[in-house]
Amino acid sequence: MRVVLDANVIIAAFAARGLCAEVFEVCLLRHRIVLSRHILEEVEENLERKIKLPKHVIEELIAYLKEYAEIVVPREVEQQACRDKSDLPVLGTALAGSCTVIVTGDSDLLDLKQYRGIRILSPRQFWDYIRRSTTPS
């Protein structure tokens, strides 16, 4: 499955052990993570500003993401697609990457539930979704 991990999920994955870290690891092992420069810049900015990680650590994390994720240029998305215009590049990243799912903690995106056939799930919803889809019946 091709998955966009929004910046808030990636930040939480690196900031603390927990569900987002598990989601990130599963995506690394079993799925294809798709990101864009927009998402990487948001990750970098927030790791520095909110988490207060040293610059060299942030640079290593960004290099790691670039190595293991597919980086795409977001497609143009109509302005009315989401109430928060800063989320449009996330939708555009999913479109450009032919993704199945966007995993996010952003309520503006989560309220959409889907965009052009791309499911928009919280980390918990995604975790439950992949557990159901890999559990034998």
Protein backbone atom coordinates (compact mmCIF):
# COMPACT_ATOMS: atom_id res chain seq x y z
CA MET A 1 0.00 0.00 0.00
CA ARG A 2 1.21 3.52 -0.78
CA VAL A 3 0.80 5.78 2.26
CA VAL A 4 1.32 9.47 2.98
CA LEU A 5 2.35 10.04 6.58
CA ASP A 6 1.50 13.61 7.49
CA ALA A 7 4.13 15.66 9.31
CA ASN A 8 2.34 15.39 12.67
CA VAL A 9 2.51 11.59 12.53
CA ILE A 10 6.20 11.58 11.63
CA ILE A 11 7.01 14.10 14.38
CA ALA A 12 5.14 12.01 16.95
CA ALA A 13 6.92 8.87 15.71
CA PHE A 14 10.34 10.43 16.35
CA ALA A 15 9.38 12.32 19.51
CA ALA A 16 8.04 9.41 21.57
CA ARG A 17 7.49 5.69 21.56
CA GLY A 18 3.85 4.97 20.90
CA LEU A 19 1.27 4.35 18.23
CA CYS A 20 2.76 6.76 15.68
CA ALA A 21 6.16 5.09 16.04
CA GLU A 22 4.51 1.70 15.46
CA VAL A 23 2.63 3.02 12.42
CA PHE A 24 5.87 4.45 11.03
CA GLU A 25 7.73 1.15 11.52
CA VAL A 26 4.95 -0.90 9.90
CA CYS A 27 4.88 1.48 6.95
CA LEU A 28 8.66 1.18 6.56
CA LEU A 29 8.51 -2.61 6.61
CA ARG A 30 5.33 -3.40 4.68
CA HIS A 31 4.20 -0.36 2.74
CA ARG A 32 5.57 2.48 0.63
CA ILE A 33 5.82 5.85 2.38
CA VAL A 34 5.24 8.80 0.06
CA LEU A 35 6.32 12.30 1.11
CA SER A 36 6.92 15.69 -0.45
CA ARG A 37 9.28 18.56 0.22
CA HIS A 38 6.34 20.36 1.86
CA ILE A 39 5.90 17.56 4.43
CA LEU A 40 9.66 17.25 5.03
CA GLU A 41 9.94 21.01 5.65
CA GLU A 42 7.08 20.88 8.14
CA VAL A 43 8.71 17.94 9.92
CA GLU A 44 12.04 19.76 10.06
CA GLU A 45 10.52 23.01 11.30
CA ASN A 46 8.49 21.35 14.06
CA LEU A 47 11.25 19.03 15.24
CA GLU A 48 13.34 22.14 15.78
CA ARG A 49 10.68 24.53 17.10
CA LYS A 50 8.43 22.22 19.16
CA ILE A 51 10.58 19.20 20.02
CA LYS A 52 13.80 21.25 20.21
CA LEU A 53 16.02 18.58 18.71
CA PRO A 54 19.57 19.59 17.80
CA LYS A 55 20.04 20.64 14.15
CA HIS A 56 22.40 17.74 13.37
CA VAL A 57 19.84 15.20 14.65
CA ILE A 58 17.10 16.79 12.55
CA GLU A 59 19.33 16.68 9.48
CA GLU A 60 19.96 12.96 10.06
CA LEU A 61 16.23 12.28 10.44
CA ILE A 62 15.38 14.19 7.25
CA ALA A 63 18.14 12.32 5.38
CA TYR A 64 16.70 9.04 6.70
CA LEU A 65 13.22 9.97 5.49
CA LYS A 66 14.55 10.95 2.07
CA GLU A 67 16.36 7.63 1.80
CA TYR A 68 13.42 5.41 2.74
CA ALA A 69 10.45 7.34 1.39
CA GLU A 70 9.44 8.18 -2.14
CA ILE A 71 9.56 11.95 -2.57
CA VAL A 72 7.04 13.43 -5.01
CA VAL A 73 6.01 16.90 -6.15
CA PRO A 74 2.43 17.51 -4.96
CA ARG A 75 -0.21 17.85 -7.64
CA GLU A 76 -2.39 20.93 -7.80
CA VAL A 77 -5.49 20.61 -5.60
CA GLU A 78 -8.59 22.79 -5.83
CA GLN A 79 -8.71 25.44 -3.08
CA GLN A 80 -12.08 24.27 -1.75
CA ALA A 81 -10.87 20.69 -1.18
CA CYS A 82 -10.06 21.40 2.47
CA ARG A 83 -10.94 24.20 4.89
CA ASP A 84 -7.27 24.61 5.90
CA LYS A 85 -5.40 25.66 2.76
CA SER A 86 -2.06 24.65 4.33
CA ASP A 87 -3.26 21.02 4.06
CA LEU A 88 -3.70 21.15 0.27
CA PRO A 89 -0.09 20.02 -0.40
CA VAL A 90 -0.73 16.89 1.72
CA LEU A 91 -3.68 16.00 -0.51
CA GLY A 92 -1.57 16.86 -3.56
CA THR A 93 1.22 14.58 -2.30
CA ALA A 94 -1.21 11.68 -2.01
CA LEU A 95 -2.50 12.33 -5.54
CA ALA A 96 1.00 12.61 -7.03
CA GLY A 97 2.08 9.44 -5.25
CA SER A 98 -1.00 7.41 -6.26
CA CYS A 99 -1.58 6.70 -2.59
CA THR A 100 -4.33 4.65 -1.00
CA VAL A 101 -4.21 6.30 2.42
CA ILE A 102 -3.20 9.50 4.20
CA VAL A 103 -2.39 8.99 7.89
CA THR A 104 -2.78 12.19 9.88
CA GLY A 105 -3.75 13.66 13.21
CA ASP A 106 -4.99 16.85 11.52
CA SER A 107 -8.71 17.31 12.17
CA ASP A 108 -9.22 19.38 9.01
CA LEU A 109 -8.01 16.44 6.92
CA LEU A 110 -9.67 13.78 9.08
CA ASP A 111 -13.05 15.50 8.70
CA LEU A 112 -12.80 14.88 4.94
CA LYS A 113 -12.61 11.09 5.54
CA GLN A 114 -11.49 10.67 1.93
CA TYR A 115 -10.33 12.67 -1.04
CA ARG A 116 -10.68 11.38 -4.60
CA GLY A 117 -10.79 7.81 -3.35
CA ILE A 118 -7.85 8.24 -0.96
CA ARG A 119 -8.79 7.27 2.59
CA ILE A 120 -7.84 9.76 5.31
CA LEU A 121 -7.28 7.98 8.61
CA SER A 122 -5.97 8.79 12.06
CA PRO A 123 -3.00 6.71 13.25
CA ARG A 124 -5.41 4.56 15.34
CA GLN A 125 -7.82 4.08 12.41
CA PHE A 126 -4.90 3.15 10.15
CA TRP A 127 -3.54 0.70 12.73
CA ASP A 128 -6.95 -0.97 13.04
CA TYR A 129 -7.34 -0.98 9.25
CA ILE A 130 -4.03 -2.75 8.60
CA ARG A 131 -4.61 -5.21 11.44
CA ARG A 132 -8.02 -6.14 9.96
CA SER A 133 -6.62 -6.45 6.45
CA THR A 134 -3.73 -8.73 7.53
CA THR A 135 -5.64 -10.87 10.01
CA PRO A 136 -6.72 -14.22 8.51
CA SER A 137 -10.48 -14.81 8.61
